[in-house]
Amino acid sequence: MYRNYSWYKATEPKTYESEIYDNGLKFERPSISVDPQSWEPLAIDRMSKDATGYIYGSAGTRETTDKNDKSYKKWSIIPRRLVKSGFPNLSTKVFGMDYSFPIALAPIGVQMIFNPEGERGSSRAATLEHVPYIISTASSLSFEEIAKSSGPGERWYQLYWPSNENNDITASLLKRAKDTGCKVLVVTLDTYILGWRPSDMDNGYDPFLKPDQVGVALGFSDPVFRKRFKEEHGVEVEQDLHKAAREFSSIIFPGISHDWEDLKFLREHWDGPIVLKGIMSVPDAKKAAEHGMQGIIVSNHGGRQQDGGVASLTMLPKIVDAVGDKLEILFDSGIRCGADIVKALALGAKMVLIGRPYAYGLAIAGTKGVSHVIRCLLGDLELTLHLSGVPSVSPKDLNRDLLLLEDN
């Protein structure tokens, strides 16, 4: 397995703009809009009501999601002039590994409800565009199927963490993740139970309870879960999909949180970087560092879990000031364009995760749609930095000196 992208030189993102204009000379227009504000309505037009409610929906009244969206507008970029340099260097180093770009595809489950390609399409696009793909525990496909579709690309694994009574299943999932080339473990802390999501509830729709492998494929393909299921019920998983789906979903969403001491078990079964996703306070960030974690992701799950919460971007600089010298800090929640990425990186994130936008790209056009979204975001990022006089995404070049807080 490749630990970085030295196997293939990434194309400069700005070339996508040139390609589009060159095609325009032949009276050709992009098959998908490059306007990031158009991706959501285009995707909604293609998806079922259930799928739309799942990916667009948020907790409660969408207050947390709305705060995420508004938080970026509070920060303004101050461009620098007469900076004589080439196009910015977008490469970065995280957890000792080199990456072509400072973005990754966030873990999103049940992707086959958006498009039949599902995780095959998104993981393949991530490899083509040289960004890490984070496999969700709630995937529609197994580790092995995703590894096959993404080939030599960089893969991480996101764990929905079973309770201690199911440590044997946790250990099995971690082993399979390592065996299929995942380098980083991302542990989601804010989803031990699904949040109050009116759009899903109004549709009476929980994808994890349906009699298919959507959302539960990692369990259905897991030898430990399968063995236990057969011993308890006397049948194979395939002979009672309803019961198997309900049981595995109850294992990965146990209803009760772990505590800090339980991190020891993960360290015993994972020899790579461990990143805690869902850290939203300075005290928790400090505890993560004290417990030897390699990184955290400042995230409120895109507003999907808890209503009335604080915006992730609001907490990012506070957390960076507290522990930025002790562990790697990544970020997600609300990234929609290149300028959003610039602001998150300037506020101290080493890498940002893209969520809903790539799911919308998948819904619109499968692999092609996800690649389009990635190329648009990277092209926008590159030109925003270039026009701001910033030569690289290194903290020495891209930091808070570039921003002005205009929340008066």
Protein backbone atom coordinates (compact mmCIF):
# COMPACT_ATOMS: atom_id res chain seq x y z
CA MET A 1 0.00 0.00 0.00
CA TYR A 2 1.14 3.51 -0.78
CA ARG A 3 1.57 5.85 2.15
CA ASN A 4 1.43 8.99 0.01
CA TYR A 5 0.77 10.04 -3.55
CA SER A 6 4.30 9.77 -4.93
CA TRP A 7 2.96 7.09 -7.27
CA TYR A 8 1.25 9.78 -9.36
CA LYS A 9 1.80 13.50 -9.72
CA ALA A 10 -1.37 15.44 -9.06
CA THR A 11 -2.57 17.92 -11.68
CA GLU A 12 -2.57 21.56 -10.61
CA PRO A 13 -6.15 22.40 -9.65
CA LYS A 14 -6.19 25.62 -11.68
CA THR A 15 -6.04 23.56 -14.87
CA TYR A 16 -9.72 22.70 -14.39
CA GLU A 17 -10.60 26.32 -15.03
CA SER A 18 -8.48 26.32 -18.19
CA GLU A 19 -10.14 23.10 -19.40
CA ILE A 20 -13.59 24.59 -18.94
CA TYR A 21 -12.74 27.79 -20.83
CA ASP A 22 -11.02 25.84 -23.62
CA ASN A 23 -14.11 23.69 -24.00
CA GLY A 24 -16.16 26.87 -24.14
CA LEU A 25 -14.37 27.76 -27.37
CA LYS A 26 -15.99 24.64 -28.81
CA PHE A 27 -19.41 25.78 -27.52
CA GLU A 28 -19.29 23.22 -24.72
CA ARG A 29 -20.42 24.00 -21.21
CA PRO A 30 -19.72 22.00 -18.02
CA SER A 31 -22.20 19.17 -17.60
CA ILE A 32 -22.42 20.12 -13.90
CA SER A 33 -22.37 23.70 -12.63
CA VAL A 34 -19.17 24.89 -10.97
CA ASP A 35 -21.21 27.07 -8.60
CA PRO A 36 -21.08 25.32 -5.21
CA GLN A 37 -24.42 26.85 -4.27
CA SER A 38 -26.05 24.89 -7.11
CA TRP A 39 -24.93 21.40 -6.03
CA GLU A 40 -27.47 21.00 -3.26
CA PRO A 41 -30.57 21.83 -5.36
CA LEU A 42 -29.25 19.78 -8.29
CA ALA A 43 -28.76 16.78 -6.00
CA ILE A 44 -32.15 17.19 -4.35
CA ASP A 45 -33.72 17.15 -7.78
CA ARG A 46 -32.15 13.72 -8.39
CA MET A 47 -32.59 12.04 -5.01
CA SER A 48 -35.58 10.37 -3.39
CA LYS A 49 -37.41 12.14 -0.57
CA ASP A 50 -35.87 9.72 1.92
CA ALA A 51 -32.31 10.28 0.65
CA THR A 52 -32.82 14.05 0.53
CA GLY A 53 -34.08 14.12 4.09
CA TYR A 54 -31.12 12.07 5.25
CA ILE A 55 -28.28 14.12 3.73
CA TYR A 56 -29.85 17.58 3.81
CA GLY A 57 -31.48 17.13 7.19
CA SER A 58 -30.05 18.40 10.46
CA ALA A 59 -30.83 18.16 14.13
CA GLY A 60 -33.82 20.06 15.49
CA THR A 61 -34.43 23.45 13.90
CA ARG A 62 -31.12 23.46 11.95
CA GLU A 63 -29.73 26.11 14.30
CA THR A 64 -26.32 24.44 14.53
CA THR A 65 -26.13 23.97 10.76
CA ASP A 66 -27.13 27.58 10.17
CA LYS A 67 -24.49 28.77 12.62
CA ASN A 68 -21.88 26.75 10.74
CA ASP A 69 -22.87 28.43 7.49
CA LYS A 70 -22.86 31.94 8.97
CA SER A 71 -19.57 31.51 10.83
CA TYR A 72 -17.46 31.69 7.67
CA LYS A 73 -18.88 35.08 6.73
CA LYS A 74 -17.69 36.57 10.01
CA TRP A 75 -14.10 36.17 8.86
CA SER A 76 -12.84 38.16 5.86
CA ILE A 77 -9.68 37.58 3.82
CA ILE A 78 -7.27 40.51 3.59
CA PRO A 79 -5.33 40.11 0.32
CA ARG A 80 -1.64 40.93 0.09
CA ARG A 81 -0.33 42.74 -2.97
CA LEU A 82 2.95 42.76 -4.93
CA VAL A 83 3.76 39.23 -3.79
CA LYS A 84 5.96 37.80 -6.52
CA SER A 85 5.51 34.04 -6.43
CA GLY A 86 4.15 31.20 -8.51
CA PHE A 87 0.92 29.42 -7.83
CA PRO A 88 0.59 28.31 -4.21
CA ASN A 89 1.92 25.02 -2.94
CA LEU A 90 -1.09 23.09 -1.64
CA SER A 91 0.82 20.11 -0.30
CA THR A 92 0.76 19.40 3.42
CA LYS A 93 2.09 16.92 5.96
CA VAL A 94 -0.28 15.34 8.47
CA PHE A 95 0.65 12.55 10.91
CA GLY A 96 4.05 12.38 9.26
CA MET A 97 2.55 11.60 5.85
CA ASP A 98 2.69 13.82 2.76
CA TYR A 99 -0.50 14.79 0.96
CA SER A 100 -0.96 16.69 -2.27
CA PHE A 101 -3.81 18.77 -0.87
CA PRO A 102 -5.11 19.84 2.56
CA ILE A 103 -8.52 18.19 2.17
CA ALA A 104 -10.03 14.75 2.69
CA LEU A 105 -13.45 13.27 2.01
CA ALA A 106 -15.32 13.05 5.29
CA PRO A 107 -16.86 9.76 6.40
CA ILE A 108 -20.42 9.58 5.10
CA GLY A 109 -22.49 6.44 5.44
CA VAL A 110 -25.28 4.84 3.39
CA GLN A 111 -24.00 6.36 0.15
CA MET A 112 -25.93 3.96 -2.06
CA ILE A 113 -29.12 5.84 -1.20
CA PHE A 114 -27.70 8.84 -3.09
CA ASN A 115 -26.48 6.98 -6.16
CA PRO A 116 -26.14 3.27 -7.07
CA GLU A 117 -22.36 3.71 -7.31
CA GLY A 118 -22.31 4.54 -3.62
CA GLU A 119 -18.93 4.29 -1.93
CA ARG A 120 -17.44 2.86 -5.11
CA GLY A 121 -17.95 6.18 -6.84
CA SER A 122 -16.74 8.44 -4.05
CA SER A 123 -13.69 6.35 -3.13
CA ARG A 124 -12.70 6.03 -6.78
CA ALA A 125 -13.00 9.80 -7.25
CA ALA A 126 -10.89 10.43 -4.14
CA THR A 127 -8.11 8.32 -5.61
CA LEU A 128 -8.35 10.01 -9.01
CA GLU A 129 -8.12 13.45 -7.39
CA HIS A 130 -5.45 12.54 -4.80
CA VAL A 131 -7.31 13.16 -1.58
CA PRO A 132 -7.77 10.73 1.34
CA TYR A 133 -11.03 8.84 1.55
CA ILE A 134 -12.39 8.10 5.02
CA ILE A 135 -14.41 4.88 5.17
CA SER A 136 -17.48 5.15 7.39
CA THR A 137 -18.56 2.35 9.71
CA ALA A 138 -22.02 3.02 8.23
CA SER A 139 -20.88 2.30 4.66
CA SER A 140 -23.02 0.49 2.10
CA LEU A 141 -20.05 -1.67 1.05
CA SER A 142 -17.46 -3.73 2.89
CA PHE A 143 -13.86 -2.70 3.57
CA GLU A 144 -12.73 -5.09 0.90
CA GLU A 145 -15.10 -3.76 -1.77
CA ILE A 146 -14.12 -0.14 -1.05
CA ALA A 147 -10.42 -1.01 -1.11
CA LYS A 148 -10.90 -2.60 -4.52
CA SER A 149 -12.69 0.44 -5.95
CA SER A 150 -10.24 2.99 -4.54
CA GLY A 151 -7.14 1.02 -5.53
CA PRO A 152 -3.88 2.73 -4.54
CA GLY A 153 -5.56 5.76 -2.96
CA GLU A 154 -5.10 6.82 0.64
CA ARG A 155 -7.75 5.40 2.97
CA TRP A 156 -8.57 6.14 6.60
CA TYR A 157 -11.20 4.46 8.75
CA GLN A 158 -13.90 6.14 10.82
CA LEU A 159 -15.19 4.09 13.74
CA TYR A 160 -18.65 4.30 15.20
CA TRP A 161 -17.50 2.88 18.49
CA PRO A 162 -19.36 -0.17 19.88
CA SER A 163 -19.79 -0.50 23.64
CA ASN A 164 -17.20 -2.41 25.67
CA GLU A 165 -19.43 -5.49 25.65
CA ASN A 166 -18.73 -5.65 21.92
CA ASN A 167 -14.97 -5.14 22.05
CA ASP A 168 -14.51 -8.29 19.98
CA ILE A 169 -16.40 -6.68 17.09
CA THR A 170 -14.48 -3.41 17.52
CA ALA A 171 -11.18 -5.31 17.36
CA SER A 172 -12.34 -7.16 14.25
CA LEU A 173 -13.34 -3.94 12.49
CA LEU A 174 -9.99 -2.36 13.31
CA LYS A 175 -8.08 -5.38 12.05
CA ARG A 176 -9.99 -5.41 8.77
CA ALA A 177 -9.40 -1.68 8.35
CA LYS A 178 -5.65 -2.18 8.76
CA ASP A 179 -5.64 -5.23 6.51
CA THR A 180 -7.26 -3.20 3.71
CA GLY A 181 -4.76 -0.37 3.94
CA CYS A 182 -6.34 2.22 6.23
CA LYS A 183 -3.61 4.35 7.81
CA VAL A 184 -5.47 6.61 10.23
CA LEU A 185 -8.24 5.79 12.70
CA VAL A 186 -10.92 8.44 13.09
CA VAL A 187 -13.13 7.85 16.14
CA THR A 188 -16.47 9.65 16.04
CA LEU A 189 -17.49 10.69 19.56
CA ASP A 190 -20.78 12.51 18.99
CA THR A 191 -22.91 9.77 17.40
CA TYR A 192 -23.38 7.00 19.96
CA ILE A 193 -27.06 7.54 19.19
CA LEU A 194 -28.70 9.26 16.22
CA GLY A 195 -29.74 12.86 16.90
CA TRP A 196 -33.27 14.24 16.71
CA ARG A 197 -33.59 14.68 12.94
CA PRO A 198 -37.07 15.90 11.92
CA SER A 199 -36.57 15.30 8.20
CA ASP A 200 -35.84 11.61 8.71
CA MET A 201 -38.56 11.23 11.31
CA ASP A 202 -41.18 12.92 9.12
CA ASN A 203 -40.32 10.39 6.42
CA GLY A 204 -40.31 7.53 8.92
CA TYR A 205 -36.92 6.71 7.47
CA ASP A 206 -34.00 5.03 9.21
CA PRO A 207 -31.71 3.51 6.56
CA PHE A 208 -30.01 1.30 9.14
CA LEU A 209 -33.13 -0.75 9.80
CA LYS A 210 -33.97 -1.75 6.23
CA PRO A 211 -33.41 -5.38 5.14
CA ASP A 212 -30.36 -4.70 2.99
CA GLN A 213 -26.67 -4.00 3.51
CA VAL A 214 -26.94 -0.20 3.24
CA GLY A 215 -25.32 1.25 6.34
CA VAL A 216 -24.50 -2.16 7.82
CA ALA A 217 -22.24 -3.74 5.17
CA LEU A 218 -19.18 -3.67 7.44
CA GLY A 219 -21.12 -5.75 9.95
CA PHE A 220 -22.68 -8.14 7.48
CA SER A 221 -19.20 -8.89 6.12
CA ASP A 222 -17.53 -9.14 9.53
CA PRO A 223 -16.58 -12.69 10.63
CA VAL A 224 -17.03 -11.98 14.34
CA PHE A 225 -20.49 -10.44 13.91
CA ARG A 226 -21.57 -13.20 11.52
CA LYS A 227 -20.40 -15.95 13.87
CA ARG A 228 -22.17 -14.41 16.83
CA PHE A 229 -25.38 -13.86 14.85
CA LYS A 230 -25.51 -17.47 13.72
CA GLU A 231 -24.78 -18.79 17.22
CA GLU A 232 -27.55 -16.66 18.73
CA HIS A 233 -30.22 -17.11 16.04
CA GLY A 234 -29.33 -20.32 14.25
CA VAL A 235 -29.38 -18.68 10.81
CA GLU A 236 -26.98 -16.76 8.60
CA VAL A 237 -27.22 -12.98 8.32
CA GLU A 238 -28.73 -13.30 4.82
CA GLN A 239 -31.58 -15.41 6.17
CA ASP A 240 -32.88 -12.65 8.45
CA LEU A 241 -31.71 -9.29 7.15
CA HIS A 242 -34.23 -7.37 9.27
CA LYS A 243 -32.89 -8.75 12.52
CA ALA A 244 -29.24 -8.56 11.41
CA ALA A 245 -29.54 -4.91 10.37
CA ARG A 246 -31.21 -3.98 13.63
CA GLU A 247 -28.60 -5.82 15.69
CA PHE A 248 -25.55 -4.38 13.96
CA SER A 249 -26.95 -0.84 14.02
CA SER A 250 -27.59 -1.20 17.76
CA ILE A 251 -23.95 -2.26 18.18
CA ILE A 252 -22.46 0.74 16.37
CA PHE A 253 -24.99 3.15 17.91
CA PRO A 254 -25.07 1.75 21.47
CA GLY A 255 -26.91 4.70 23.03
CA ILE A 256 -24.27 5.42 25.69
CA SER A 257 -20.91 7.12 25.31
CA HIS A 258 -17.51 5.67 26.14
CA ASP A 259 -15.22 7.46 28.58
CA TRP A 260 -11.61 8.61 28.28
CA GLU A 261 -10.17 5.47 29.85
CA ASP A 262 -11.67 3.34 27.07
CA LEU A 263 -9.19 4.88 24.62
CA LYS A 264 -6.63 2.38 25.95
CA PHE A 265 -8.42 -0.42 24.14
CA LEU A 266 -8.19 1.41 20.82
CA ARG A 267 -4.48 2.03 21.30
CA GLU A 268 -3.94 -1.66 22.01
CA HIS A 269 -5.59 -2.57 18.70
CA TRP A 270 -4.39 0.24 16.44
CA ASP A 271 -0.74 1.04 15.84
CA GLY A 272 -1.27 4.13 13.66
CA PRO A 273 -2.52 7.65 14.38
CA ILE A 274 -5.79 7.93 16.31
CA VAL A 275 -7.92 11.01 15.74
CA LEU A 276 -10.94 11.97 17.83
CA LYS A 277 -13.77 13.46 15.76
CA GLY A 278 -16.35 15.69 17.39
CA ILE A 279 -14.13 17.66 19.80
CA MET A 280 -15.82 21.03 20.39
CA SER A 281 -14.37 22.36 23.64
CA VAL A 282 -10.97 23.36 24.95
CA PRO A 283 -11.13 21.03 28.00
CA ASP A 284 -11.89 18.02 25.76
CA ALA A 285 -9.10 19.00 23.39
CA LYS A 286 -6.68 19.12 26.31
CA LYS A 287 -7.84 15.68 27.49
CA ALA A 288 -7.27 14.27 24.00
CA ALA A 289 -3.68 15.49 24.14
CA GLU A 290 -3.22 14.17 27.68
CA HIS A 291 -4.43 10.74 26.58
CA GLY A 292 -1.85 10.56 23.80
CA MET A 293 -4.09 11.05 20.80
CA GLN A 294 -2.32 12.09 17.61
CA GLY A 295 -5.09 14.37 16.42
CA ILE A 296 -8.58 15.74 16.81
CA ILE A 297 -11.24 16.90 14.38
CA VAL A 298 -13.07 20.03 15.46
CA SER A 299 -16.56 19.14 14.29
CA ASN A 300 -20.22 19.32 15.26
CA HIS A 301 -21.15 16.67 12.67
CA GLY A 302 -22.35 19.34 10.25
CA GLY A 303 -25.18 20.21 12.64
CA ARG A 304 -26.72 16.76 12.19
CA GLN A 305 -26.48 15.58 15.79
CA GLN A 306 -27.23 18.37 18.25
CA ASP A 307 -29.41 21.43 17.84
CA GLY A 308 -28.56 24.78 19.41
CA GLY A 309 -24.82 24.16 19.25
CA VAL A 310 -21.86 26.42 18.63
CA ALA A 311 -20.35 26.65 15.14
CA SER A 312 -17.26 24.50 14.62
CA LEU A 313 -15.36 27.42 13.07
CA THR A 314 -16.04 29.54 16.15
CA MET A 315 -14.30 26.99 18.37
CA LEU A 316 -11.43 26.20 16.01
CA PRO A 317 -9.06 29.09 16.93
CA LYS A 318 -9.73 28.63 20.64
CA ILE A 319 -8.83 24.96 20.44
CA VAL A 320 -5.79 25.64 18.25
CA ASP A 321 -4.50 28.15 20.82
CA ALA A 322 -4.91 25.57 23.58
CA VAL A 323 -3.43 22.41 22.01
CA GLY A 324 -2.15 23.27 18.54
CA ASP A 325 1.41 22.49 19.59
CA LYS A 326 0.49 19.12 21.12
CA LEU A 327 -1.46 17.31 18.37
CA GLU A 328 -2.69 17.67 14.80
CA ILE A 329 -5.94 19.60 14.45
CA LEU A 330 -8.28 18.85 11.56
CA PHE A 331 -11.64 20.46 10.88
CA ASP A 332 -15.03 19.88 9.33
CA SER A 333 -18.60 21.23 9.33
CA GLY A 334 -19.92 23.62 6.72
CA ILE A 335 -17.10 23.76 4.16
CA ARG A 336 -18.74 24.77 0.87
CA CYS A 337 -16.11 26.62 -1.21
CA GLY A 338 -12.42 27.44 -1.57
CA ALA A 339 -12.63 30.53 0.63
CA ASP A 340 -14.12 28.42 3.44
CA ILE A 341 -11.12 26.10 3.22
CA VAL A 342 -8.73 29.08 3.31
CA LYS A 343 -10.37 30.43 6.45
CA ALA A 344 -10.29 27.10 8.29
CA LEU A 345 -6.62 26.58 7.40
CA ALA A 346 -5.75 30.16 8.37
CA LEU A 347 -7.39 29.60 11.75
CA GLY A 348 -5.08 26.66 12.40
CA ALA A 349 -6.52 23.48 10.86
CA LYS A 350 -3.93 21.26 9.18
CA MET A 351 -6.54 19.63 6.93
CA VAL A 352 -10.27 20.05 6.34
CA LEU A 353 -12.90 17.41 5.64
CA ILE A 354 -15.44 17.85 2.84
CA GLY A 355 -18.87 16.40 3.62
CA ARG A 356 -22.21 17.24 2.04
CA PRO A 357 -20.76 18.77 -1.16
CA TYR A 358 -19.23 15.50 -2.34
CA ALA A 359 -22.36 13.58 -1.39
CA TYR A 360 -24.28 15.98 -3.62
CA GLY A 361 -21.76 15.41 -6.40
CA LEU A 362 -22.28 11.66 -6.00
CA ALA A 363 -26.04 12.10 -6.26
CA ILE A 364 -25.71 14.24 -9.39
CA ALA A 365 -23.27 12.13 -11.40
CA GLY A 366 -21.57 9.36 -9.44
CA THR A 367 -17.78 9.21 -9.71
CA LYS A 368 -17.76 12.05 -12.21
CA GLY A 369 -19.82 14.22 -9.88
CA VAL A 370 -17.55 13.64 -6.89
CA SER A 371 -14.44 14.35 -9.00
CA HIS A 372 -16.09 17.53 -10.26
CA VAL A 373 -16.79 18.75 -6.72
CA ILE A 374 -13.24 18.00 -5.58
CA ARG A 375 -11.68 19.71 -8.61
CA CYS A 376 -13.90 22.76 -8.18
CA LEU A 377 -13.06 23.12 -4.50
CA LEU A 378 -9.33 22.69 -5.09
CA GLY A 379 -9.32 25.07 -8.05
CA ASP A 380 -11.20 27.65 -6.03
CA LEU A 381 -8.81 27.14 -3.11
CA GLU A 382 -5.72 27.55 -5.29
CA LEU A 383 -6.91 30.72 -7.01
CA THR A 384 -8.23 32.24 -3.77
CA LEU A 385 -4.81 31.79 -2.19
CA HIS A 386 -3.00 33.03 -5.29
CA LEU A 387 -5.11 36.17 -5.54
CA SER A 388 -4.59 36.76 -1.82
CA GLY A 389 -0.80 36.66 -2.20
CA VAL A 390 -0.38 33.46 -0.17
CA PRO A 391 2.36 31.15 -1.55
CA SER A 392 1.51 27.97 0.38
CA VAL A 393 -0.79 26.38 2.94
CA SER A 394 2.07 26.21 5.43
CA PRO A 395 1.24 28.03 8.70
CA LYS A 396 4.14 30.41 8.09
CA ASP A 397 2.30 31.67 4.98
CA LEU A 398 -1.32 30.97 5.82
CA ASN A 399 -2.36 32.08 9.29
CA ARG A 400 -4.63 34.51 11.10
CA ASP A 401 -2.72 37.51 9.76
CA LEU A 402 -4.67 36.92 6.55
CA LEU A 403 -8.06 37.28 8.25
CA LEU A 404 -10.16 40.01 9.84
CA LEU A 405 -13.02 39.20 12.21
CA GLU A 406 -15.88 41.46 11.17
CA ASP A 407 -18.56 40.30 13.61
CA ASN A 408 -19.58 43.68 15.03
